[in-house]
Amino acid sequence: MDLDDVLPQVGEFGRYQKLVLWFILLPGVFPCGFHAYNQLFMAATPDHWCRVKELEEFDARLVRNISIPTVVLLDGQTRFSQCTMYDLNYTNSLEFYESVNYTNVRTVPCEHGWVYDKEGHENTIITEWDLVCDKDLSATLALVLLGLGGLLGNYFFGYVQDGIGRKPAFFIYLFIQCVFGTATAFANNFATWTIFRIGVGFTVPAILGTPYVLAIELVGPRHRTLVTILINIAYSLALVSLAIIVWVIREWRLLALATTLPFLTLFLHWWLLPESPRWLLAQGRIKEAEKILLQMGKINGKKLPENFISNLTIQDINQNNVQVDYGIRHLFQSPNLRWKTIIVTFIWFTNTSVYVGLSYYAPALGGDEFLNFFLAGAVELPTYLFLWPAMEKWGRRWSLCVSMVIGGSACLATFLVQNDSVITLGLYCIGKMGISSSFVVLPLMASELYPTVVRGLGMSVSSMMGMLGPVFIPLVNYLGSDMLTLPLIIMGTMLVMGGACSLLLPETLNQHLPQTLQDAEKAGLDCFACCTPPQLDSKIRAMHESRF
């Protein structure tokens, strides 16, 4: 039984779907956006220099001028050293240091801790636990471990979502996220804090899977693009909201609570969030699917056909009642689905790596890090105005390709203007817009390529491999301390390669969602049909013609 044949009769995108989308699914996107990036500000590293305990009664910046040497960075800029100080007797009066010839004074590592410039950050884990100098990789390591947690969480999420349903999967992961997110605020050392962050990372970005997949599965083919755009707008708004929150709350423990506790209210949605009728039908749970569809038709002002159940042939029911334990091997069982899985997974890896990498890199671009992060989220919003009609006219494949190539080219171009910070920031924003667009198209296209019986598993496998990106991308961004544009060049190269691979996939615009593995075999790779315009599925065309 194909749900796309039934939805026009009960409402493809009626009041029921709109209420679920606006009041349940879109708010359900925010936990992922908040917890994916709040760590950047909990572990922010402010400017710092060696503490001179003998001169603590004097102005900190005056003490810095007489006790801290300057160093020249690889980009030619000069700044005060963050890890060394002059080896002097600091019991003398301040006037004594005016006559000191500092060129002959040796420097030593900090002996009594550090003084932190708290103008931008009141308190972070870096300032509280002195994670600087020989411990300056701690923040990067924490991001790597957050990514590893996400890698593991995505793997299990696919089985949970396809095994027990979209709805239970979301609330299980929400519970895990709230527990570890709250516990983060009470960590008393870096090791404990990191363990709690791994727990949070276990749910990121897996928890985004339910709002996304459920939104796709509740509507008809013509409305998938719209709900995908809305889900991604909600995610961008989550980033913009997070930028405002971290600007207001500069204390990391309060920030951990402020970005976690509000989501406890989402548990009230348990009684409102429906299970996916597509998933229920694929599992052979006909009565439960019928109950949801009846409610959908009632709220949409339509009536489910009386012969709905009788239209399910005995063969359909027998097939649905056969309990098949689908696993990763089913994604690679046939050459067709195998290559689709490989290509989608590679593109997902490049998209996740670059999207997360550019988002992580925003505060490192110089200037106001809060404003940079705000812009990194805000520049995504205008792209959706152009992306929506592009996806409907050009299809998924060309929209994905063009977005990735434009974003990648902008990142590569930063090499030519690496000494101009303003143009570099502008190209960064273009790159962020490009990757944001492709990040909208890819999950939609993947959800339309994978059949229902393994859709959650397929998307989880692809996104799980994509989560290898957030594991290594913090290390790539760390290279930016020596060359600002090097991470952008690496990420730009990855985007262009992914854009080229996207043209190998079949177009999915206006096509029925495949239900079974056999359905997925009907659309092969389109290696030589890159210029073919999207064609409307014959069943959908006939259905539309009968209605108008």
Protein backbone atom coordinates (compact mmCIF):
# COMPACT_ATOMS: atom_id res chain seq x y z
CA MET A 1 0.00 0.00 0.00
CA ASP A 2 1.50 3.37 -1.07
CA LEU A 3 0.54 6.16 1.32
CA ASP A 4 1.03 8.69 -1.49
CA ASP A 5 -2.11 7.21 -3.10
CA VAL A 6 -4.13 7.83 0.08
CA LEU A 7 -2.83 11.24 1.20
CA PRO A 8 -4.67 13.24 -1.53
CA GLN A 9 -7.94 11.88 -0.14
CA VAL A 10 -7.22 12.81 3.49
CA GLY A 11 -5.09 15.91 2.80
CA GLU A 12 -1.49 16.02 1.58
CA PHE A 13 -0.67 19.14 3.57
CA GLY A 14 -3.78 20.15 5.43
CA ARG A 15 -4.49 21.61 8.84
CA TYR A 16 -3.38 18.43 10.59
CA GLN A 17 0.11 18.41 9.04
CA LYS A 18 0.51 22.15 9.55
CA LEU A 19 -0.36 21.93 13.25
CA VAL A 20 2.07 19.05 13.77
CA LEU A 21 4.78 20.85 11.80
CA TRP A 22 4.48 24.31 13.34
CA PHE A 23 3.88 23.39 16.97
CA ILE A 24 5.70 20.07 17.39
CA LEU A 25 8.27 19.30 14.69
CA LEU A 26 9.78 22.77 14.19
CA PRO A 27 10.34 23.35 17.96
CA GLY A 28 11.85 19.85 18.03
CA VAL A 29 14.67 21.09 15.80
CA PHE A 30 16.03 23.57 18.35
CA PRO A 31 17.68 21.08 20.78
CA CYS A 32 20.04 19.89 18.06
CA GLY A 33 20.99 23.43 17.00
CA PHE A 34 21.68 24.53 20.56
CA HIS A 35 23.70 21.53 21.71
CA ALA A 36 25.74 21.25 18.53
CA TYR A 37 27.37 24.64 19.09
CA ASN A 38 26.92 25.85 22.68
CA GLN A 39 30.17 24.07 23.49
CA LEU A 40 32.09 26.60 21.37
CA PHE A 41 31.25 29.28 23.92
CA MET A 42 31.45 27.15 27.04
CA ALA A 43 35.03 26.35 25.99
CA ALA A 44 35.97 29.74 24.50
CA THR A 45 39.55 30.83 25.02
CA PRO A 46 39.86 34.55 25.87
CA ASP A 47 43.09 36.50 25.58
CA HIS A 48 45.42 35.70 28.48
CA TRP A 49 48.92 36.28 29.80
CA CYS A 50 51.12 35.22 32.71
CA ARG A 51 50.08 36.21 36.20
CA VAL A 52 52.68 38.12 38.23
CA LYS A 53 51.61 37.66 41.81
CA GLU A 54 53.94 40.41 43.14
CA LEU A 55 52.17 43.04 41.00
CA GLU A 56 48.54 41.95 41.42
CA GLU A 57 47.62 45.20 43.17
CA PHE A 58 48.36 47.21 40.03
CA ASP A 59 46.36 47.57 36.81
CA ALA A 60 46.47 44.29 34.86
CA ARG A 61 47.25 45.88 31.50
CA LEU A 62 50.04 48.00 33.00
CA VAL A 63 51.55 44.87 34.53
CA ARG A 64 51.28 43.12 31.17
CA ASN A 65 53.22 45.90 29.46
CA ILE A 66 56.21 45.52 31.79
CA SER A 67 56.22 41.75 32.34
CA ILE A 68 55.06 40.09 29.12
CA PRO A 69 57.15 39.88 25.91
CA THR A 70 55.65 40.32 22.45
CA VAL A 71 55.71 37.65 19.75
CA VAL A 72 55.35 37.84 15.98
CA LEU A 73 52.78 35.46 14.47
CA LEU A 74 53.15 33.72 11.09
CA ASP A 75 50.81 36.24 9.48
CA GLY A 76 53.10 39.08 10.59
CA GLN A 77 50.90 40.39 13.39
CA THR A 78 52.37 41.16 16.81
CA ARG A 79 50.75 40.34 20.13
CA PHE A 80 51.66 39.77 23.76
CA SER A 81 52.88 36.27 24.57
CA GLN A 82 50.24 34.11 26.25
CA CYS A 83 52.59 31.56 27.77
CA THR A 84 55.84 33.31 28.73
CA MET A 85 56.97 36.22 30.90
CA TYR A 86 60.16 38.14 31.56
CA ASP A 87 62.40 36.64 34.25
CA LEU A 88 62.69 39.68 36.53
CA ASN A 89 62.57 40.51 40.21
CA TYR A 90 59.08 41.96 40.48
CA THR A 91 59.48 43.30 44.02
CA ASN A 92 60.87 46.57 42.66
CA SER A 93 58.79 49.70 42.17
CA LEU A 94 57.11 50.27 38.83
CA GLU A 95 59.54 53.07 37.95
CA PHE A 96 62.36 50.53 37.94
CA TYR A 97 61.06 48.81 34.82
CA GLU A 98 61.21 51.96 32.72
CA SER A 99 64.99 51.62 32.61
CA VAL A 100 65.13 47.88 31.91
CA ASN A 101 66.66 46.79 28.58
CA TYR A 102 64.27 43.97 27.78
CA THR A 103 66.31 42.72 24.82
CA ASN A 104 68.76 41.20 27.29
CA VAL A 105 66.15 39.70 29.63
CA ARG A 106 65.35 36.01 29.23
CA THR A 107 61.80 34.72 29.23
CA VAL A 108 60.34 31.86 31.28
CA PRO A 109 57.03 29.96 31.21
CA CYS A 110 54.19 31.21 33.39
CA GLU A 111 54.84 30.24 37.01
CA HIS A 112 51.77 31.47 38.89
CA GLY A 113 48.91 30.90 36.47
CA TRP A 114 47.31 33.34 34.06
CA VAL A 115 45.34 36.55 33.91
CA TYR A 116 42.34 36.36 31.56
CA ASP A 117 40.73 39.17 29.63
CA LYS A 118 37.10 38.69 30.68
CA GLU A 119 35.69 41.48 28.56
CA GLY A 120 34.14 38.94 26.17
CA HIS A 121 33.64 35.97 28.50
CA GLU A 122 32.85 36.15 32.19
CA ASN A 123 33.81 32.53 32.83
CA THR A 124 34.52 29.52 30.59
CA ILE A 125 35.94 26.08 31.30
CA ILE A 126 39.23 27.40 29.90
CA THR A 127 39.49 30.17 32.49
CA GLU A 128 38.15 28.04 35.34
CA TRP A 129 40.52 25.11 34.82
CA ASP A 130 43.45 26.95 33.12
CA LEU A 131 43.28 24.93 29.89
CA VAL A 132 45.85 27.05 28.03
CA CYS A 133 49.42 26.85 26.77
CA ASP A 134 50.50 23.20 27.22
CA LYS A 135 46.78 22.32 27.60
CA ASP A 136 45.51 24.46 24.71
CA LEU A 137 44.39 21.41 22.72
CA SER A 138 41.80 20.60 25.38
CA ALA A 139 38.98 22.57 23.74
CA THR A 140 39.76 20.99 20.35
CA LEU A 141 39.91 17.53 21.93
CA ALA A 142 36.50 18.12 23.53
CA LEU A 143 35.00 18.94 20.12
CA VAL A 144 36.57 15.80 18.65
CA LEU A 145 35.03 13.68 21.42
CA LEU A 146 31.67 15.43 20.93
CA GLY A 147 31.87 14.35 17.30
CA LEU A 148 32.76 10.78 18.28
CA GLY A 149 29.70 10.71 20.54
CA GLY A 150 27.58 11.85 17.59
CA LEU A 151 29.11 9.16 15.40
CA LEU A 152 28.12 6.46 17.88
CA GLY A 153 24.69 7.97 18.52
CA ASN A 154 23.82 8.12 14.83
CA TYR A 155 24.64 4.45 14.41
CA PHE A 156 22.21 3.38 17.13
CA PHE A 157 19.57 5.93 16.15
CA GLY A 158 18.96 4.31 12.79
CA TYR A 159 18.09 1.00 14.44
CA VAL A 160 16.00 2.69 17.13
CA GLN A 161 14.05 4.81 14.63
CA ASP A 162 13.34 1.96 12.20
CA GLY A 163 12.93 -0.62 14.96
CA ILE A 164 10.54 0.99 17.48
CA GLY A 165 9.35 4.03 15.54
CA ARG A 166 10.09 7.70 14.86
CA LYS A 167 8.22 8.96 17.93
CA PRO A 168 9.87 6.85 20.69
CA ALA A 169 13.30 7.42 19.12
CA PHE A 170 12.94 11.20 19.44
CA PHE A 171 11.92 11.17 23.09
CA ILE A 172 14.59 8.65 24.09
CA TYR A 173 17.28 10.86 22.61
CA LEU A 174 15.70 14.01 24.04
CA PHE A 175 15.84 12.43 27.50
CA ILE A 176 19.51 11.54 27.07
CA GLN A 177 20.29 15.04 25.86
CA CYS A 178 18.51 16.77 28.73
CA VAL A 179 20.16 14.55 31.36
CA PHE A 180 23.71 15.05 30.11
CA GLY A 181 23.13 18.67 29.11
CA THR A 182 22.01 19.51 32.64
CA ALA A 183 24.81 17.45 34.21
CA THR A 184 27.32 19.48 32.19
CA ALA A 185 26.59 22.52 34.36
CA PHE A 186 27.63 20.65 37.51
CA ALA A 187 30.95 19.21 36.30
CA ASN A 188 33.83 20.03 38.66
CA ASN A 189 36.74 19.15 36.36
CA PHE A 190 37.55 18.87 32.67
CA ALA A 191 37.42 15.06 32.55
CA THR A 192 33.91 14.94 34.03
CA TRP A 193 32.76 17.78 31.81
CA THR A 194 34.08 15.98 28.73
CA ILE A 195 32.25 12.76 29.65
CA PHE A 196 28.99 14.69 29.95
CA ARG A 197 29.64 16.37 26.60
CA ILE A 198 30.16 12.97 24.97
CA GLY A 199 26.72 12.05 26.32
CA VAL A 200 25.25 15.18 24.74
CA GLY A 201 27.12 14.47 21.52
CA PHE A 202 25.51 11.03 21.40
CA THR A 203 22.25 12.78 20.48
CA VAL A 204 23.68 15.31 17.97
CA PRO A 205 22.65 15.39 15.17
CA ALA A 206 20.65 12.14 15.49
CA ILE A 207 17.83 13.84 17.42
CA LEU A 208 17.18 15.97 14.33
CA GLY A 209 16.28 12.82 12.40
CA THR A 210 12.75 12.41 13.78
CA PRO A 211 11.45 15.95 13.03
CA TYR A 212 12.99 15.72 9.58
CA VAL A 213 11.89 12.23 8.59
CA LEU A 214 8.43 12.58 10.16
CA ALA A 215 7.83 15.88 8.35
CA ILE A 216 8.72 14.22 5.03
CA GLU A 217 6.59 11.13 5.69
CA LEU A 218 3.44 13.00 6.75
CA VAL A 219 3.03 15.04 3.54
CA GLY A 220 2.54 14.34 -0.15
CA PRO A 221 5.31 14.54 -2.80
CA ARG A 222 4.48 18.13 -3.83
CA HIS A 223 5.01 19.47 -0.32
CA ARG A 224 8.27 17.76 0.67
CA THR A 225 10.35 20.68 -0.54
CA LEU A 226 8.33 23.14 1.56
CA VAL A 227 8.57 21.15 4.80
CA THR A 228 12.28 20.58 4.21
CA ILE A 229 12.83 24.32 3.81
CA LEU A 230 10.82 25.01 6.97
CA ILE A 231 12.81 22.47 8.99
CA ASN A 232 16.06 24.07 7.88
CA ILE A 233 14.76 27.58 8.55
CA ALA A 234 13.99 26.42 12.08
CA TYR A 235 17.55 25.11 12.42
CA SER A 236 19.01 28.41 11.19
CA LEU A 237 16.78 30.29 13.63
CA ALA A 238 18.10 28.00 16.37
CA LEU A 239 21.65 29.13 15.54
CA VAL A 240 20.62 32.79 15.50
CA SER A 241 18.82 32.31 18.83
CA LEU A 242 21.87 30.60 20.29
CA ALA A 243 24.05 33.53 19.21
CA ILE A 244 21.79 35.88 21.18
CA ILE A 245 21.77 33.60 24.23
CA VAL A 246 25.56 33.23 24.37
CA TRP A 247 25.91 36.99 23.96
CA VAL A 248 23.66 37.55 26.97
CA ILE A 249 24.94 34.69 29.17
CA ARG A 250 28.73 34.72 29.47
CA GLU A 251 29.02 32.20 32.36
CA TRP A 252 29.41 28.65 31.07
CA ARG A 253 27.43 26.85 33.81
CA LEU A 254 24.42 29.12 33.34
CA LEU A 255 24.79 28.75 29.59
CA ALA A 256 24.61 24.95 29.88
CA LEU A 257 21.37 25.20 31.84
CA ALA A 258 19.86 27.92 29.64
CA THR A 259 20.38 25.80 26.52
CA THR A 260 18.98 22.60 28.06
CA LEU A 261 16.22 23.12 30.62
CA PRO A 262 13.72 24.84 28.26
CA PHE A 263 13.56 21.65 26.18
CA LEU A 264 12.02 19.70 29.06
CA THR A 265 8.72 21.21 27.86
CA LEU A 266 9.00 19.15 24.66
CA PHE A 267 8.10 16.04 26.65
CA LEU A 268 4.56 17.43 26.79
CA HIS A 269 4.38 16.68 23.07
CA TRP A 270 4.36 12.93 23.71
CA TRP A 271 0.55 12.96 23.66
CA LEU A 272 0.41 15.15 20.54
CA LEU A 273 3.13 13.80 18.26
CA PRO A 274 1.81 11.09 15.90
CA GLU A 275 3.78 8.10 14.74
CA SER A 276 4.59 7.99 11.04
CA PRO A 277 1.75 6.20 9.20
CA ARG A 278 4.26 5.24 6.49
CA TRP A 279 6.40 3.45 9.07
CA LEU A 280 3.34 1.78 10.61
CA LEU A 281 2.21 0.49 7.21
CA ALA A 282 5.71 -0.76 6.45
CA GLN A 283 5.63 -2.63 9.78
CA GLY A 284 2.23 -4.17 9.04
CA ARG A 285 0.51 -2.23 11.83
CA ILE A 286 -2.49 -1.43 9.66
CA LYS A 287 -5.01 -0.55 12.39
CA GLU A 288 -2.69 2.00 14.01
CA ALA A 289 -1.96 3.62 10.65
CA GLU A 290 -5.66 3.75 9.85
CA LYS A 291 -6.42 5.44 13.17
CA ILE A 292 -3.89 8.21 12.45
CA LEU A 293 -5.15 8.66 8.89
CA LEU A 294 -8.75 8.89 10.09
CA GLN A 295 -7.76 11.61 12.53
CA MET A 296 -5.77 13.35 9.80
CA GLY A 297 -8.75 13.32 7.45
CA LYS A 298 -11.11 14.54 10.18
CA ILE A 299 -8.93 17.54 11.10
CA ASN A 300 -8.28 18.28 7.42
CA GLY A 301 -12.02 18.24 6.75
CA LYS A 302 -11.84 15.14 4.57
CA LYS A 303 -12.89 11.54 4.95
CA LEU A 304 -10.82 8.42 4.50
CA PRO A 305 -12.39 6.14 1.83
CA GLU A 306 -14.48 3.38 3.32
CA ASN A 307 -12.71 0.77 1.20
CA PHE A 308 -9.29 1.82 2.42
CA ILE A 309 -8.60 -1.37 4.34
CA SER A 310 -10.13 -3.59 1.64
CA ASN A 311 -7.81 -2.00 -0.91
CA LEU A 312 -4.93 -3.55 0.96
CA THR A 313 -4.69 -6.85 -0.84
CA ILE A 314 -4.03 -10.04 1.03
CA GLN A 315 -0.60 -10.05 -0.54
CA ASP A 316 0.13 -6.56 0.79
CA ILE A 317 -0.99 -7.52 4.29
CA ASN A 318 1.03 -10.72 4.26
CA GLN A 319 4.09 -8.85 3.10
CA ASN A 320 3.66 -6.21 5.78
CA ASN A 321 3.09 -8.78 8.50
CA VAL A 322 6.36 -10.55 7.70
CA GLN A 323 8.73 -9.21 10.30
CA VAL A 324 12.03 -8.59 8.58
CA ASP A 325 14.99 -7.44 10.61
CA TYR A 326 16.49 -4.90 8.25
CA GLY A 327 20.15 -4.10 8.71
CA ILE A 328 23.05 -2.37 7.02
CA ARG A 329 23.53 -5.35 4.68
CA HIS A 330 20.23 -4.49 2.99
CA LEU A 331 21.64 -1.12 1.93
CA PHE A 332 24.41 -2.93 0.02
CA GLN A 333 22.42 -5.96 -1.13
CA SER A 334 21.93 -4.77 -4.72
CA PRO A 335 24.40 -2.81 -6.90
CA ASN A 336 21.86 -0.03 -7.47
CA LEU A 337 21.10 0.72 -3.81
CA ARG A 338 24.73 0.06 -2.92
CA TRP A 339 26.04 2.81 -5.19
CA LYS A 340 23.32 5.20 -4.09
CA THR A 341 24.32 4.58 -0.47
CA ILE A 342 28.02 5.11 -1.20
CA ILE A 343 27.48 8.34 -3.15
CA VAL A 344 24.97 9.78 -0.67
CA THR A 345 27.29 8.88 2.22
CA PHE A 346 30.30 10.57 0.61
CA ILE A 347 28.32 13.73 -0.12
CA TRP A 348 26.93 13.65 3.43
CA PHE A 349 30.47 13.42 4.76
CA THR A 350 31.59 16.46 2.78
CA ASN A 351 28.48 18.44 3.71
CA THR A 352 28.69 17.69 7.42
CA SER A 353 32.43 18.33 7.54
CA VAL A 354 32.18 21.69 5.81
CA TYR A 355 28.97 22.88 7.49
CA VAL A 356 30.25 22.10 10.97
CA GLY A 357 33.73 23.30 10.07
CA LEU A 358 32.55 26.68 8.85
CA SER A 359 30.24 27.07 11.87
CA TYR A 360 33.10 26.20 14.24
CA TYR A 361 35.42 28.57 12.38
CA ALA A 362 33.20 31.64 12.57
CA PRO A 363 34.56 32.90 15.95
CA ALA A 364 38.15 32.46 14.68
CA LEU A 365 37.73 34.90 11.80
CA GLY A 366 38.55 37.87 14.02
CA GLY A 367 36.45 40.73 15.29
CA ASP A 368 33.41 40.12 17.47
CA GLU A 369 33.02 36.34 17.77
CA PHE A 370 29.38 36.66 18.86
CA LEU A 371 28.56 38.76 15.80
CA ASN A 372 30.45 36.34 13.55
CA PHE A 373 28.46 33.38 14.87
CA PHE A 374 25.23 35.35 14.50
CA LEU A 375 26.10 36.11 10.87
CA ALA A 376 27.03 32.45 10.27
CA GLY A 377 23.45 31.52 11.15
CA ALA A 378 21.73 34.57 9.67
CA VAL A 379 23.30 34.26 6.18
CA GLU A 380 21.57 30.90 5.82
CA LEU A 381 18.09 32.43 5.86
CA PRO A 382 18.22 34.36 2.52
CA THR A 383 19.38 31.23 0.69
CA TYR A 384 16.03 29.54 1.28
CA LEU A 385 14.22 32.21 -0.76
CA PHE A 386 16.15 31.14 -3.86
CA LEU A 387 16.49 27.48 -2.97
CA TRP A 388 12.77 26.71 -2.81
CA PRO A 389 11.95 27.67 -6.44
CA ALA A 390 15.28 26.21 -7.60
CA MET A 391 14.50 22.81 -6.10
CA GLU A 392 11.05 22.83 -7.66
CA LYS A 393 12.26 23.91 -11.12
CA TRP A 394 15.71 22.34 -11.47
CA GLY A 395 15.18 19.38 -9.17
CA ARG A 396 17.22 18.08 -6.26
CA ARG A 397 20.32 16.97 -8.14
CA TRP A 398 21.22 20.21 -9.89
CA SER A 399 20.34 22.30 -6.84
CA LEU A 400 22.68 20.15 -4.76
CA CYS A 401 25.49 20.33 -7.31
CA VAL A 402 25.32 24.10 -7.89
CA SER A 403 25.11 24.87 -4.17
CA MET A 404 28.19 22.79 -3.37
CA VAL A 405 30.27 24.09 -6.27
CA ILE A 406 29.46 27.74 -5.52
CA GLY A 407 30.19 27.28 -1.81
CA GLY A 408 33.40 25.37 -2.51
CA SER A 409 34.63 27.91 -5.06
CA ALA A 410 34.08 30.76 -2.58
CA CYS A 411 36.11 28.93 0.07
CA LEU A 412 38.93 28.21 -2.42
CA ALA A 413 38.98 31.86 -3.51
CA THR A 414 40.00 32.95 0.00
CA PHE A 415 43.54 31.84 -0.87
CA LEU A 416 43.77 34.72 -3.36
CA VAL A 417 42.73 37.38 -0.82
CA GLN A 418 44.08 35.92 2.42
CA ASN A 419 45.55 39.28 3.45
CA ASP A 420 42.21 41.09 3.16
CA SER A 421 40.09 40.19 6.18
CA VAL A 422 36.95 41.92 4.88
CA ILE A 423 36.89 40.06 1.54
CA THR A 424 37.80 36.82 3.32
CA LEU A 425 34.78 37.28 5.60
CA GLY A 426 32.60 37.98 2.57
CA LEU A 427 33.77 34.82 0.79
CA TYR A 428 33.27 32.89 4.01
CA CYS A 429 29.64 34.04 4.08
CA ILE A 430 29.14 32.96 0.45
CA GLY A 431 30.66 29.60 1.30
CA LYS A 432 28.34 29.29 4.30
CA MET A 433 25.33 30.11 2.12
CA GLY A 434 26.38 27.46 -0.40
CA ILE A 435 26.88 24.71 2.16
CA SER A 436 23.65 25.69 3.93
CA SER A 437 21.76 25.24 0.66
CA SER A 438 23.29 21.85 -0.05
CA PHE A 439 22.59 20.79 3.52
CA VAL A 440 18.91 21.43 2.83
CA VAL A 441 18.82 19.46 -0.41
CA LEU A 442 20.88 16.43 0.60
CA PRO A 443 18.72 15.03 3.47
CA LEU A 444 15.59 15.56 1.36
CA MET A 445 17.10 13.79 -1.63
CA ALA A 446 18.44 10.99 0.56
CA SER A 447 15.04 10.48 2.21
CA GLU A 448 13.51 10.21 -1.26
CA LEU A 449 16.12 7.69 -2.41
CA TYR A 450 16.06 5.32 0.57
CA PRO A 451 12.94 3.09 0.82
CA THR A 452 10.71 3.37 3.89
CA VAL A 453 11.78 0.03 5.37
CA VAL A 454 15.39 1.22 5.69
CA ARG A 455 14.97 5.00 5.39
CA GLY A 456 15.84 5.74 8.99
CA LEU A 457 18.70 3.25 8.90
CA GLY A 458 20.03 4.50 5.56
CA MET A 459 19.97 8.13 6.60
CA SER A 460 21.56 7.24 9.93
CA VAL A 461 24.35 5.28 8.24
CA SER A 462 25.04 8.14 5.84
CA SER A 463 24.89 10.77 8.56
CA MET A 464 26.94 8.53 10.86
CA MET A 465 29.75 8.42 8.31
CA GLY A 466 29.20 12.12 7.83
CA MET A 467 29.86 12.52 11.55
CA LEU A 468 33.47 11.51 10.88
CA GLY A 469 33.74 15.10 9.64
CA PRO A 470 33.07 16.76 13.01
CA VAL A 471 35.62 14.34 14.50
CA PHE A 472 38.52 15.55 12.37
CA ILE A 473 37.37 19.04 11.34
CA PRO A 474 38.32 20.65 14.70
CA LEU A 475 41.88 19.51 14.00
CA VAL A 476 41.70 21.08 10.53
CA ASN A 477 40.43 24.34 12.04
CA TYR A 478 43.28 24.20 14.56
CA LEU A 479 45.64 24.59 11.58
CA GLY A 480 44.09 28.02 11.05
CA SER A 481 46.22 29.37 13.89
CA ASP A 482 49.17 29.22 11.47
CA MET A 483 47.32 30.06 8.22
CA LEU A 484 43.85 31.56 8.47
CA THR A 485 42.65 30.40 5.03
CA LEU A 486 44.07 26.84 5.09
CA PRO A 487 40.93 25.27 6.63
CA LEU A 488 38.77 27.14 4.10
CA ILE A 489 40.87 25.76 1.21
CA ILE A 490 40.56 22.20 2.48
CA MET A 491 36.81 22.53 2.96
CA GLY A 492 36.36 24.19 -0.44
CA THR A 493 38.10 21.27 -2.19
CA MET A 494 35.82 18.79 -0.44
CA LEU A 495 32.70 20.71 -1.51
CA VAL A 496 33.65 20.81 -5.19
CA MET A 497 34.34 17.06 -5.21
CA GLY A 498 31.00 16.35 -3.53
CA GLY A 499 29.17 18.59 -6.01
CA ALA A 500 30.56 16.61 -8.93
CA CYS A 501 29.47 13.29 -7.39
CA SER A 502 25.92 14.54 -6.86
CA LEU A 503 25.26 14.47 -10.62
CA LEU A 504 25.48 10.68 -10.55
CA LEU A 505 22.32 10.31 -8.47
CA PRO A 506 18.83 9.98 -10.01
CA GLU A 507 16.42 12.89 -9.82
CA THR A 508 13.75 12.45 -7.13
CA LEU A 509 11.57 15.51 -7.67
CA ASN A 510 7.86 14.64 -7.88
CA GLN A 511 8.52 10.92 -7.50
CA HIS A 512 6.75 8.51 -5.15
CA LEU A 513 8.65 7.67 -1.99
CA PRO A 514 9.89 4.07 -2.37
CA GLN A 515 8.33 1.79 0.24
CA THR A 516 10.24 -1.46 -0.22
CA LEU A 517 13.70 -2.50 -1.37
CA GLN A 518 12.13 -3.50 -4.68
CA ASP A 519 10.69 -0.01 -5.13
CA ALA A 520 14.15 1.50 -4.65
CA GLU A 521 15.46 -0.56 -7.57
CA LYS A 522 13.14 1.17 -10.03
CA ALA A 523 15.26 4.35 -10.13
CA GLY A 524 18.84 3.66 -11.19
CA LEU A 525 21.87 5.91 -11.32
CA ASP A 526 21.60 8.64 -13.98
CA CYS A 527 25.26 8.90 -14.97
CA PHE A 528 24.42 10.08 -18.49
CA ALA A 529 21.22 12.04 -17.82
CA CYS A 530 22.57 15.11 -16.05
CA CYS A 531 20.72 17.50 -18.32
CA THR A 532 17.38 15.73 -18.29
CA PRO A 533 14.70 17.91 -16.65
CA PRO A 534 12.79 16.37 -13.73
CA GLN A 535 9.84 14.27 -14.86
CA LEU A 536 6.61 13.95 -12.93
CA ASP A 537 5.88 10.41 -11.77
CA SER A 538 3.15 8.90 -14.00
CA LYS A 539 0.90 8.02 -11.03
CA ILE A 540 1.23 11.50 -9.56
CA ARG A 541 0.59 13.07 -12.97
CA ALA A 542 -2.58 11.05 -13.43
CA MET A 543 -3.71 11.92 -9.92
CA HIS A 544 -3.16 15.65 -10.52
CA GLU A 545 -4.95 15.55 -13.89
CA SER A 546 -7.96 13.87 -12.29
CA ARG A 547 -8.21 16.64 -9.72
CA PHE A 548 -8.06 19.60 -12.10
